[in-house]
PDB file of all heavy atoms in Angstrom:
ATOM      1  N   GLY A   1      35.580  24.492 -52.064  1.00  0.00           N
ATOM      2  CA  GLY A   1      36.048  23.358 -51.336  1.00  0.00           C
ATOM      3  C   GLY A   1      34.924  22.501 -50.580  1.00  0.00           C
ATOM      4  O   GLY A   1      35.232  21.755 -49.673  1.00  0.00           O
ATOM      5  N   ASN A   2      33.709  22.627 -51.065  1.00  0.00           N
ATOM      6  CA  ASN A   2      32.636  21.843 -50.446  1.00  0.00           C
ATOM      7  C   ASN A   2      32.685  20.430 -51.001  1.00  0.00           C
ATOM      8  O   ASN A   2      32.591  20.197 -52.201  1.00  0.00           O
ATOM      9  CB  ASN A   2      31.321  22.514 -50.819  1.00  0.00           C
ATOM     10  CG  ASN A   2      30.117  21.832 -50.096  1.00  0.00           C
ATOM     11  OD1 ASN A   2      30.333  20.996 -49.253  1.00  0.00           O
ATOM     12  ND2 ASN A   2      28.934  22.212 -50.455  1.00  0.00           N
ATOM     13  N   HIS A   3      32.777  19.485 -50.091  1.00  0.00           N
ATOM     14  CA  HIS A   3      32.833  18.045 -50.504  1.00  0.00           C
ATOM     15  C   HIS A   3      31.715  17.247 -49.867  1.00  0.00           C
ATOM     16  O   HIS A   3      31.906  16.133 -49.447  1.00  0.00           O
ATOM     17  CB  HIS A   3      34.204  17.482 -50.053  1.00  0.00           C
ATOM     18  CG  HIS A   3      35.340  18.138 -50.680  1.00  0.00           C
ATOM     19  ND1 HIS A   3      35.720  18.038 -51.968  1.00  0.00           N
ATOM     20  CD2 HIS A   3      36.299  19.032 -50.108  1.00  0.00           C
ATOM     21  CE1 HIS A   3      36.817  18.757 -52.223  1.00  0.00           C
ATOM     22  NE2 HIS A   3      37.120  19.409 -51.109  1.00  0.00           N
ATOM     23  N   ARG A   4      30.549  17.823 -49.857  1.00  0.00           N
ATOM     24  CA  ARG A   4      29.418  17.140 -49.209  1.00  0.00           C
ATOM     25  C   ARG A   4      28.221  17.227 -50.155  1.00  0.00           C
ATOM     26  O   ARG A   4      27.937  18.280 -50.706  1.00  0.00           O
ATOM     27  CB  ARG A   4      29.105  17.763 -47.861  1.00  0.00           C
ATOM     28  CG  ARG A   4      27.983  17.068 -47.129  1.00  0.00           C
ATOM     29  CD  ARG A   4      27.602  17.774 -45.803  1.00  0.00           C
ATOM     30  NE  ARG A   4      26.567  17.036 -45.077  1.00  0.00           N
ATOM     31  CZ  ARG A   4      26.800  16.143 -44.217  1.00  0.00           C
ATOM     32  NH1 ARG A   4      28.072  15.830 -43.851  1.00  0.00           N
ATOM     33  NH2 ARG A   4      25.834  15.553 -43.532  1.00  0.00           N
ATOM     34  N   GLY A   5      27.486  16.096 -50.318  1.00  0.00           N
ATOM     35  CA  GLY A   5      26.348  16.104 -51.164  1.00  0.00           C
ATOM     36  C   GLY A   5      25.107  16.553 -50.397  1.00  0.00           C
ATOM     37  O   GLY A   5      25.049  16.535 -49.144  1.00  0.00           O
ATOM     38  N   GLU A   6      24.054  16.936 -51.090  1.00  0.00           N
ATOM     39  CA  GLU A   6      22.835  17.390 -50.544  1.00  0.00           C
ATOM     40  C   GLU A   6      21.599  16.930 -51.316  1.00  0.00           C
ATOM     41  O   GLU A   6      21.508  17.110 -52.519  1.00  0.00           O
ATOM     42  CB  GLU A   6      22.839  18.940 -50.454  1.00  0.00           C
ATOM     43  CG  GLU A   6      21.502  19.509 -49.870  1.00  0.00           C
ATOM     44  CD  GLU A   6      21.422  21.005 -49.942  1.00  0.00           C
ATOM     45  OE1 GLU A   6      22.408  21.594 -50.560  1.00  0.00           O
ATOM     46  OE2 GLU A   6      20.414  21.564 -49.526  1.00  0.00           O
ATOM     47  N   CYS A   7      20.642  16.284 -50.650  1.00  0.00           N
ATOM     48  CA  CYS A   7      19.472  15.762 -51.305  1.00  0.00           C
ATOM     49  C   CYS A   7      18.496  16.968 -51.450  1.00  0.00           C
ATOM     50  O   CYS A   7      18.033  17.499 -50.423  1.00  0.00           O
ATOM     51  CB  CYS A   7      18.821  14.676 -50.501  1.00  0.00           C
ATOM     52  SG  CYS A   7      17.339  13.986 -51.200  1.00  0.00           S
ATOM     53  N   ILE A   8      18.248  17.416 -52.673  1.00  0.00           N
ATOM     54  CA  ILE A   8      17.346  18.603 -52.905  1.00  0.00           C
ATOM     55  C   ILE A   8      15.922  18.150 -53.298  1.00  0.00           C
ATOM     56  O   ILE A   8      15.039  18.990 -53.124  1.00  0.00           O
ATOM     57  CB  ILE A   8      18.024  19.485 -53.974  1.00  0.00           C
ATOM     58  CG1 ILE A   8      18.220  18.644 -55.287  1.00  0.00           C
ATOM     59  CG2 ILE A   8      19.306  20.022 -53.517  1.00  0.00           C
ATOM     60  CD1 ILE A   8      18.699  19.543 -56.368  1.00  0.00           C
ATOM     61  N   LEU A   9      15.707  16.944 -53.837  1.00  0.00           N
ATOM     62  CA  LEU A   9      14.366  16.519 -54.195  1.00  0.00           C
ATOM     63  C   LEU A   9      14.220  15.043 -53.824  1.00  0.00           C
ATOM     64  O   LEU A   9      15.178  14.244 -54.011  1.00  0.00           O
ATOM     65  CB  LEU A   9      14.103  16.707 -55.688  1.00  0.00           C
ATOM     66  CG  LEU A   9      14.111  18.118 -56.302  1.00  0.00           C
ATOM     67  CD1 LEU A   9      13.906  18.124 -57.750  1.00  0.00           C
ATOM     68  CD2 LEU A   9      13.053  18.980 -55.590  1.00  0.00           C
ATOM     69  N   GLU A  10      13.085  14.643 -53.290  1.00  0.00           N
ATOM     70  CA  GLU A  10      12.885  13.280 -52.833  1.00  0.00           C
ATOM     71  C   GLU A  10      11.600  12.715 -53.447  1.00  0.00           C
ATOM     72  O   GLU A  10      10.637  13.467 -53.768  1.00  0.00           O
ATOM     73  CB  GLU A  10      12.742  13.274 -51.313  1.00  0.00           C
ATOM     74  CG  GLU A  10      13.911  13.631 -50.582  1.00  0.00           C
ATOM     75  CD  GLU A  10      13.862  13.408 -49.085  1.00  0.00           C
ATOM     76  OE1 GLU A  10      13.509  12.296 -48.682  1.00  0.00           O
ATOM     77  OE2 GLU A  10      13.935  14.422 -48.326  1.00  0.00           O
ATOM     78  N   ASN A  11      11.597  11.384 -53.645  1.00  0.00           N
ATOM     79  CA  ASN A  11      10.432  10.600 -54.145  1.00  0.00           C
ATOM     80  C   ASN A  11       9.883  11.189 -55.426  1.00  0.00           C
ATOM     81  O   ASN A  11       8.675  11.500 -55.564  1.00  0.00           O
ATOM     82  CB  ASN A  11       9.329  10.601 -53.038  1.00  0.00           C
ATOM     83  CG  ASN A  11       8.315   9.593 -53.264  1.00  0.00           C
ATOM     84  OD1 ASN A  11       8.584   8.490 -53.800  1.00  0.00           O
ATOM     85  ND2 ASN A  11       7.097   9.842 -52.969  1.00  0.00           N
ATOM     86  N   ILE A  12      10.737  11.319 -56.436  1.00  0.00           N
ATOM     87  CA  ILE A  12      10.370  11.833 -57.740  1.00  0.00           C
ATOM     88  C   ILE A  12      10.049  10.755 -58.725  1.00  0.00           C
ATOM     89  O   ILE A  12      10.831   9.811 -58.781  1.00  0.00           O
ATOM     90  CB  ILE A  12      11.516  12.763 -58.340  1.00  0.00           C
ATOM     91  CG1 ILE A  12      11.821  13.881 -57.280  1.00  0.00           C
ATOM     92  CG2 ILE A  12      11.077  13.365 -59.634  1.00  0.00           C
ATOM     93  CD1 ILE A  12      10.636  14.780 -56.941  1.00  0.00           C
ATOM     94  N   LEU A  13       8.984  10.839 -59.414  1.00  0.00           N
ATOM     95  CA  LEU A  13       8.532   9.826 -60.417  1.00  0.00           C
ATOM     96  C   LEU A  13       9.352   9.919 -61.691  1.00  0.00           C
ATOM     97  O   LEU A  13       9.599  10.998 -62.182  1.00  0.00           O
ATOM     98  CB  LEU A  13       7.063   9.974 -60.690  1.00  0.00           C
ATOM     99  CG  LEU A  13       6.460   9.127 -61.817  1.00  0.00           C
ATOM    100  CD1 LEU A  13       6.561   7.643 -61.461  1.00  0.00           C
ATOM    101  CD2 LEU A  13       5.043   9.555 -62.164  1.00  0.00           C
ATOM    102  N   VAL A  14       9.810   8.768 -62.169  1.00  0.00           N
ATOM    103  CA  VAL A  14      10.568   8.748 -63.445  1.00  0.00           C
ATOM    104  C   VAL A  14       9.568   8.429 -64.598  1.00  0.00           C
ATOM    105  O   VAL A  14       8.836   7.432 -64.503  1.00  0.00           O
ATOM    106  CB  VAL A  14      11.632   7.606 -63.367  1.00  0.00           C
ATOM    107  CG1 VAL A  14      12.393   7.495 -64.721  1.00  0.00           C
ATOM    108  CG2 VAL A  14      12.652   7.861 -62.231  1.00  0.00           C
ATOM    109  N   LEU A  15       9.537   9.352 -65.547  1.00  0.00           N
ATOM    110  CA  LEU A  15       8.620   9.181 -66.658  1.00  0.00           C
ATOM    111  C   LEU A  15       9.293   8.382 -67.846  1.00  0.00           C
ATOM    112  O   LEU A  15       8.612   7.597 -68.498  1.00  0.00           O
ATOM    113  CB  LEU A  15       8.196  10.540 -67.241  1.00  0.00           C
ATOM    114  CG  LEU A  15       7.363  11.426 -66.246  1.00  0.00           C
ATOM    115  CD1 LEU A  15       7.081  12.782 -66.891  1.00  0.00           C
ATOM    116  CD2 LEU A  15       6.086  10.752 -65.896  1.00  0.00           C
ATOM    117  N   ALA A  16      10.587   8.657 -68.043  1.00  0.00           N
ATOM    118  CA  ALA A  16      11.228   7.970 -69.131  1.00  0.00           C
ATOM    119  C   ALA A  16      12.734   7.880 -68.826  1.00  0.00           C
ATOM    120  O   ALA A  16      13.247   8.641 -67.972  1.00  0.00           O
ATOM    121  CB  ALA A  16      11.062   8.699 -70.450  1.00  0.00           C
ATOM    122  N   ALA A  17      13.363   6.876 -69.392  1.00  0.00           N
ATOM    123  CA  ALA A  17      14.802   6.619 -69.208  1.00  0.00           C
ATOM    124  C   ALA A  17      15.494   6.709 -70.537  1.00  0.00           C
ATOM    125  O   ALA A  17      15.760   5.667 -71.139  1.00  0.00           O
ATOM    126  CB  ALA A  17      15.091   5.324 -68.491  1.00  0.00           C
ATOM    127  N   GLY A  18      15.642   7.944 -71.094  1.00  0.00           N
ATOM    128  CA  GLY A  18      16.364   8.280 -72.342  1.00  0.00           C
ATOM    129  C   GLY A  18      16.608   7.203 -73.345  1.00  0.00           C
ATOM    130  O   GLY A  18      15.765   6.442 -73.672  1.00  0.00           O
ATOM    131  N   GLN A  19      17.882   7.093 -73.779  1.00  0.00           N
ATOM    132  CA  GLN A  19      18.281   6.155 -74.753  1.00  0.00           C
ATOM    133  C   GLN A  19      18.581   4.787 -73.945  1.00  0.00           C
ATOM    134  O   GLN A  19      19.446   4.767 -73.091  1.00  0.00           O
ATOM    135  CB  GLN A  19      19.535   6.568 -75.461  1.00  0.00           C
ATOM    136  CG  GLN A  19      19.317   7.873 -76.232  1.00  0.00           C
ATOM    137  CD  GLN A  19      20.607   8.328 -76.917  1.00  0.00           C
ATOM    138  OE1 GLN A  19      21.627   7.676 -76.881  1.00  0.00           O
ATOM    139  NE2 GLN A  19      20.517   9.487 -77.580  1.00  0.00           N
ATOM    140  N   VAL A  20      17.919   3.785 -74.349  1.00  0.00           N
ATOM    141  CA  VAL A  20      18.110   2.500 -73.739  1.00  0.00           C
ATOM    142  C   VAL A  20      18.579   1.473 -74.775  1.00  0.00           C
ATOM    143  O   VAL A  20      17.905   1.246 -75.766  1.00  0.00           O
ATOM    144  CB  VAL A  20      16.825   1.991 -73.066  1.00  0.00           C
ATOM    145  CG1 VAL A  20      17.045   0.596 -72.412  1.00  0.00           C
ATOM    146  CG2 VAL A  20      16.360   2.974 -72.077  1.00  0.00           C
ATOM    147  N   PHE A  21      19.767   0.857 -74.546  1.00  0.00           N
ATOM    148  CA  PHE A  21      20.308  -0.114 -75.427  1.00  0.00           C
ATOM    149  C   PHE A  21      20.236  -1.442 -74.759  1.00  0.00           C
ATOM    150  O   PHE A  21      20.858  -1.605 -73.646  1.00  0.00           O
ATOM    151  CB  PHE A  21      21.750   0.233 -75.846  1.00  0.00           C
ATOM    152  CG  PHE A  21      21.862   1.624 -76.453  1.00  0.00           C
ATOM    153  CD1 PHE A  21      22.103   2.712 -75.720  1.00  0.00           C
ATOM    154  CD2 PHE A  21      21.620   1.800 -77.780  1.00  0.00           C
ATOM    155  CE1 PHE A  21      22.233   3.980 -76.237  1.00  0.00           C
ATOM    156  CE2 PHE A  21      21.716   3.043 -78.417  1.00  0.00           C
ATOM    157  CZ  PHE A  21      22.054   4.083 -77.615  1.00  0.00           C
ATOM    158  N   THR A  22      19.660  -2.399 -75.472  1.00  0.00           N
ATOM    159  CA  THR A  22      19.501  -3.773 -74.880  1.00  0.00           C
ATOM    160  C   THR A  22      20.269  -4.784 -75.673  1.00  0.00           C
ATOM    161  O   THR A  22      20.157  -4.824 -76.888  1.00  0.00           O
ATOM    162  CB  THR A  22      18.051  -4.160 -74.774  1.00  0.00           C
ATOM    163  OG1 THR A  22      17.290  -3.163 -74.095  1.00  0.00           O
ATOM    164  CG2 THR A  22      17.853  -5.486 -74.042  1.00  0.00           C
ATOM    165  N   ARG A  23      21.053  -5.610 -75.001  1.00  0.00           N
ATOM    166  CA  ARG A  23      21.793  -6.700 -75.548  1.00  0.00           C
ATOM    167  C   ARG A  23      21.104  -8.026 -75.148  1.00  0.00           C
ATOM    168  O   ARG A  23      21.016  -8.336 -73.985  1.00  0.00           O
ATOM    169  CB  ARG A  23      23.235  -6.710 -75.187  1.00  0.00           C
ATOM    170  CG  ARG A  23      24.048  -5.529 -75.835  1.00  0.00           C
ATOM    171  CD  ARG A  23      25.455  -5.612 -75.467  1.00  0.00           C
ATOM    172  NE  ARG A  23      25.731  -5.209 -74.081  1.00  0.00           N
ATOM    173  CZ  ARG A  23      26.854  -5.228 -73.467  1.00  0.00           C
ATOM    174  NH1 ARG A  23      27.973  -5.536 -74.096  1.00  0.00           N
ATOM    175  NH2 ARG A  23      26.911  -4.915 -72.193  1.00  0.00           N
ATOM    176  N   ALA A  24      20.645  -8.741 -76.061  1.00  0.00           N
ATOM    177  CA  ALA A  24      19.881  -9.928 -75.772  1.00  0.00           C
ATOM    178  C   ALA A  24      20.628 -10.950 -74.900  1.00  0.00           C
ATOM    179  O   ALA A  24      20.082 -11.586 -74.035  1.00  0.00           O
ATOM    180  CB  ALA A  24      19.373 -10.641 -77.085  1.00  0.00           C
ATOM    181  N   GLU A  25      22.017 -11.052 -75.154  1.00  0.00           N
ATOM    182  CA  GLU A  25      22.761 -12.026 -74.356  1.00  0.00           C
ATOM    183  C   GLU A  25      22.978 -11.600 -72.937  1.00  0.00           C
ATOM    184  O   GLU A  25      23.098 -12.489 -72.053  1.00  0.00           O
ATOM    185  CB  GLU A  25      24.084 -12.312 -75.041  1.00  0.00           C
ATOM    186  CG  GLU A  25      25.031 -11.030 -75.036  1.00  0.00           C
ATOM    187  CD  GLU A  25      24.735 -10.121 -76.223  1.00  0.00           C
ATOM    188  OE1 GLU A  25      23.769 -10.343 -76.823  1.00  0.00           O
ATOM    189  OE2 GLU A  25      25.602  -9.215 -76.494  1.00  0.00           O
ATOM    190  N   GLU A  26      22.958 -10.266 -72.619  1.00  0.00           N
ATOM    191  CA  GLU A  26      23.197  -9.837 -71.291  1.00  0.00           C
ATOM    192  C   GLU A  26      22.035  -9.090 -70.659  1.00  0.00           C
ATOM    193  O   GLU A  26      21.997  -8.932 -69.467  1.00  0.00           O
ATOM    194  CB  GLU A  26      24.472  -9.004 -71.255  1.00  0.00           C
ATOM    195  CG  GLU A  26      25.746  -9.713 -71.655  1.00  0.00           C
ATOM    196  CD  GLU A  26      26.926  -8.832 -71.626  1.00  0.00           C
ATOM    197  OE1 GLU A  26      26.787  -7.653 -71.192  1.00  0.00           O
ATOM    198  OE2 GLU A  26      28.057  -9.278 -71.982  1.00  0.00           O
ATOM    199  N   ARG A  27      21.117  -8.629 -71.462  1.00  0.00           N
ATOM    200  CA  ARG A  27      19.992  -7.849 -70.977  1.00  0.00           C
ATOM    201  C   ARG A  27      20.491  -6.622 -70.149  1.00  0.00           C
ATOM    202  O   ARG A  27      19.944  -6.206 -69.191  1.00  0.00           O
ATOM    203  CB  ARG A  27      19.065  -8.666 -70.085  1.00  0.00           C
ATOM    204  CG  ARG A  27      18.550  -9.931 -70.762  1.00  0.00           C
ATOM    205  CD  ARG A  27      17.672  -9.689 -71.901  1.00  0.00           C
ATOM    206  NE  ARG A  27      16.480  -8.969 -71.532  1.00  0.00           N
ATOM    207  CZ  ARG A  27      15.527  -8.522 -72.361  1.00  0.00           C
ATOM    208  NH1 ARG A  27      15.701  -8.746 -73.686  1.00  0.00           N
ATOM    209  NH2 ARG A  27      14.477  -7.939 -71.944  1.00  0.00           N
ATOM    210  N   SER A  28      21.558  -5.977 -70.678  1.00  0.00           N
ATOM    211  CA  SER A  28      22.053  -4.836 -70.063  1.00  0.00           C
ATOM    212  C   SER A  28      21.456  -3.550 -70.567  1.00  0.00           C
ATOM    213  O   SER A  28      21.060  -3.518 -71.718  1.00  0.00           O
ATOM    214  CB  SER A  28      23.640  -4.761 -70.207  1.00  0.00           C
ATOM    215  OG  SER A  28      23.988  -4.588 -71.555  1.00  0.00           O
ATOM    216  N   LEU A  29      21.443  -2.477 -69.740  1.00  0.00           N
ATOM    217  CA  LEU A  29      20.854  -1.247 -70.100  1.00  0.00           C
ATOM    218  C   LEU A  29      21.821  -0.120 -69.957  1.00  0.00           C
ATOM    219  O   LEU A  29      22.610  -0.105 -68.952  1.00  0.00           O
ATOM    220  CB  LEU A  29      19.604  -0.934 -69.143  1.00  0.00           C
ATOM    221  CG  LEU A  29      18.519  -1.999 -69.287  1.00  0.00           C
ATOM    222  CD1 LEU A  29      17.402  -1.629 -68.267  1.00  0.00           C
ATOM    223  CD2 LEU A  29      17.867  -2.001 -70.651  1.00  0.00           C
ATOM    224  N   THR A  30      21.828   0.803 -70.866  1.00  0.00           N
ATOM    225  CA  THR A  30      22.690   2.015 -70.749  1.00  0.00           C
ATOM    226  C   THR A  30      21.788   3.232 -70.930  1.00  0.00           C
ATOM    227  O   THR A  30      21.250   3.473 -72.042  1.00  0.00           O
ATOM    228  CB  THR A  30      23.848   2.015 -71.838  1.00  0.00           C
ATOM    229  OG1 THR A  30      24.585   0.838 -71.681  1.00  0.00           O
ATOM    230  CG2 THR A  30      24.690   3.198 -71.613  1.00  0.00           C
ATOM    231  N   THR A  31      21.640   4.055 -69.911  1.00  0.00           N
ATOM    232  CA  THR A  31      20.755   5.164 -69.935  1.00  0.00           C
ATOM    233  C   THR A  31      21.550   6.434 -70.029  1.00  0.00           C
ATOM    234  O   THR A  31      22.466   6.671 -69.222  1.00  0.00           O
ATOM    235  CB  THR A  31      19.847   5.134 -68.656  1.00  0.00           C
ATOM    236  OG1 THR A  31      19.226   3.835 -68.542  1.00  0.00           O
ATOM    237  CG2 THR A  31      18.847   6.287 -68.665  1.00  0.00           C
ATOM    238  N   ARG A  32      21.175   7.343 -70.990  1.00  0.00           N
ATOM    239  CA  ARG A  32      21.875   8.635 -71.096  1.00  0.00           C
ATOM    240  C   ARG A  32      21.147   9.772 -70.421  1.00  0.00           C
ATOM    241  O   ARG A  32      21.722  10.643 -69.905  1.00  0.00           O
ATOM    242  CB  ARG A  32      22.037   8.875 -72.643  1.00  0.00           C
ATOM    243  CG  ARG A  32      22.795   7.831 -73.372  1.00  0.00           C
ATOM    244  CD  ARG A  32      24.211   7.716 -72.878  1.00  0.00           C
ATOM    245  NE  ARG A  32      24.970   6.764 -73.610  1.00  0.00           N
ATOM    246  CZ  ARG A  32      26.171   6.329 -73.301  1.00  0.00           C
ATOM    247  NH1 ARG A  32      26.718   6.769 -72.170  1.00  0.00           N
ATOM    248  NH2 ARG A  32      26.829   5.465 -74.023  1.00  0.00           N
ATOM    249  N   THR A  33      19.836   9.764 -70.493  1.00  0.00           N
ATOM    250  CA  THR A  33      19.035  10.802 -69.833  1.00  0.00           C
ATOM    251  C   THR A  33      17.864  10.169 -69.112  1.00  0.00           C
ATOM    252  O   THR A  33      17.462   9.066 -69.433  1.00  0.00           O
ATOM    253  CB  THR A  33      18.420  11.817 -70.880  1.00  0.00           C
ATOM    254  OG1 THR A  33      17.624  11.080 -71.742  1.00  0.00           O
ATOM    255  CG2 THR A  33      19.543  12.437 -71.652  1.00  0.00           C
ATOM    256  N   VAL A  34      17.415  10.838 -68.034  1.00  0.00           N
ATOM    257  CA  VAL A  34      16.301  10.408 -67.233  1.00  0.00           C
ATOM    258  C   VAL A  34      15.305  11.579 -67.182  1.00  0.00           C
ATOM    259  O   VAL A  34      15.718  12.743 -66.848  1.00  0.00           O
ATOM    260  CB  VAL A  34      16.732  10.002 -65.845  1.00  0.00           C
ATOM    261  CG1 VAL A  34      15.519   9.658 -64.977  1.00  0.00           C
ATOM    262  CG2 VAL A  34      17.627   8.758 -65.938  1.00  0.00           C
ATOM    263  N   THR A  35      14.063  11.326 -67.497  1.00  0.00           N
ATOM    264  CA  THR A  35      13.003  12.314 -67.523  1.00  0.00           C
ATOM    265  C   THR A  35      12.154  12.160 -66.238  1.00  0.00           C
ATOM    266  O   THR A  35      11.634  11.082 -65.995  1.00  0.00           O
ATOM    267  CB  THR A  35      12.146  12.245 -68.724  1.00  0.00           C
ATOM    268  OG1 THR A  35      12.979  12.360 -69.926  1.00  0.00           O
ATOM    269  CG2 THR A  35      11.148  13.392 -68.781  1.00  0.00           C
ATOM    270  N   LEU A  36      12.016  13.252 -65.483  1.00  0.00           N
ATOM    271  CA  LEU A  36      11.320  13.246 -64.224  1.00  0.00           C
ATOM    272  C   LEU A  36      10.050  14.014 -64.275  1.00  0.00           C
ATOM    273  O   LEU A  36       9.929  14.942 -65.078  1.00  0.00           O
ATOM    274  CB  LEU A  36      12.202  13.800 -63.103  1.00  0.00           C
ATOM    275  CG  LEU A  36      13.628  13.242 -62.977  1.00  0.00           C
ATOM    276  CD1 LEU A  36      14.400  13.986 -61.899  1.00  0.00           C
ATOM    277  CD2 LEU A  36      13.623  11.709 -62.667  1.00  0.00           C
ATOM    278  N   ALA A  37       9.134  13.663 -63.407  1.00  0.00           N
ATOM    279  CA  ALA A  37       7.822  14.417 -63.275  1.00  0.00           C
ATOM    280  C   ALA A  37       7.968  15.345 -62.121  1.00  0.00           C
ATOM    281  O   ALA A  37       8.104  14.895 -60.907  1.00  0.00           O
ATOM    282  CB  ALA A  37       6.692  13.480 -63.079  1.00  0.00           C
ATOM    283  N   LEU A  38       7.957  16.678 -62.370  1.00  0.00           N
ATOM    284  CA  LEU A  38       8.218  17.651 -61.309  1.00  0.00           C
ATOM    285  C   LEU A  38       7.142  18.717 -61.337  1.00  0.00           C
ATOM    286  O   LEU A  38       6.470  18.981 -62.335  1.00  0.00           O
ATOM    287  CB  LEU A  38       9.523  18.337 -61.577  1.00  0.00           C
ATOM    288  CG  LEU A  38      10.769  17.474 -61.710  1.00  0.00           C
ATOM    289  CD1 LEU A  38      11.989  18.311 -62.054  1.00  0.00           C
ATOM    290  CD2 LEU A  38      11.003  16.720 -60.412  1.00  0.00           C
ATOM    291  N   THR A  39       6.944  19.317 -60.191  1.00  0.00           N
ATOM    292  CA  THR A  39       6.032  20.520 -60.088  1.00  0.00           C
ATOM    293  C   THR A  39       6.839  21.673 -60.628  1.00  0.00           C
ATOM    294  O   THR A  39       8.057  21.641 -60.732  1.00  0.00           O
ATOM    295  CB  THR A  39       5.625  20.750 -58.628  1.00  0.00           C
ATOM    296  OG1 THR A  39       6.837  21.049 -57.869  1.00  0.00           O
ATOM    297  CG2 THR A  39       4.969  19.499 -57.963  1.00  0.00           C
ATOM    298  N   PRO A  40       6.153  22.791 -60.931  1.00  0.00           N
ATOM    299  CA  PRO A  40       6.887  23.951 -61.456  1.00  0.00           C
ATOM    300  C   PRO A  40       7.929  24.465 -60.462  1.00  0.00           C
ATOM    301  O   PRO A  40       9.010  24.880 -60.863  1.00  0.00           O
ATOM    302  CB  PRO A  40       5.745  25.006 -61.661  1.00  0.00           C
ATOM    303  CG  PRO A  40       4.524  24.150 -61.992  1.00  0.00           C
ATOM    304  CD  PRO A  40       4.674  22.902 -61.124  1.00  0.00           C
ATOM    305  N   ASP A  41       7.667  24.432 -59.176  1.00  0.00           N
ATOM    306  CA  ASP A  41       8.656  24.921 -58.190  1.00  0.00           C
ATOM    307  C   ASP A  41       9.862  23.955 -58.195  1.00  0.00           C
ATOM    308  O   ASP A  41      10.958  24.396 -58.043  1.00  0.00           O
ATOM    309  CB  ASP A  41       8.030  24.954 -56.800  1.00  0.00           C
ATOM    310  CG  ASP A  41       7.008  26.068 -56.651  1.00  0.00           C
ATOM    311  OD1 ASP A  41       7.070  27.047 -57.474  1.00  0.00           O
ATOM    312  OD2 ASP A  41       6.162  25.976 -55.723  1.00  0.00           O
ATOM    313  N   GLN A  42       9.622  22.656 -58.282  1.00  0.00           N
ATOM    314  CA  GLN A  42      10.742  21.697 -58.358  1.00  0.00           C
ATOM    315  C   GLN A  42      11.530  21.883 -59.620  1.00  0.00           C
ATOM    316  O   GLN A  42      12.774  21.706 -59.555  1.00  0.00           O
ATOM    317  CB  GLN A  42      10.213  20.266 -58.252  1.00  0.00           C
ATOM    318  CG  GLN A  42       9.635  19.937 -56.884  1.00  0.00           C
ATOM    319  CD  GLN A  42       8.974  18.609 -56.855  1.00  0.00           C
ATOM    320  OE1 GLN A  42       8.536  18.080 -57.896  1.00  0.00           O
ATOM    321  NE2 GLN A  42       8.942  17.978 -55.724  1.00  0.00           N
TER     322      GLN A  42
END
């Protein structure tokens, strides 16, 4: 019954943003995965 979020990692660098689909007329982006740069402990 826990209904509260918790920030477990902060200020993490994004290395890549998975699959990106671009439509020229709208320039919209749809991202499926996000790759982060983490230390081994993180």
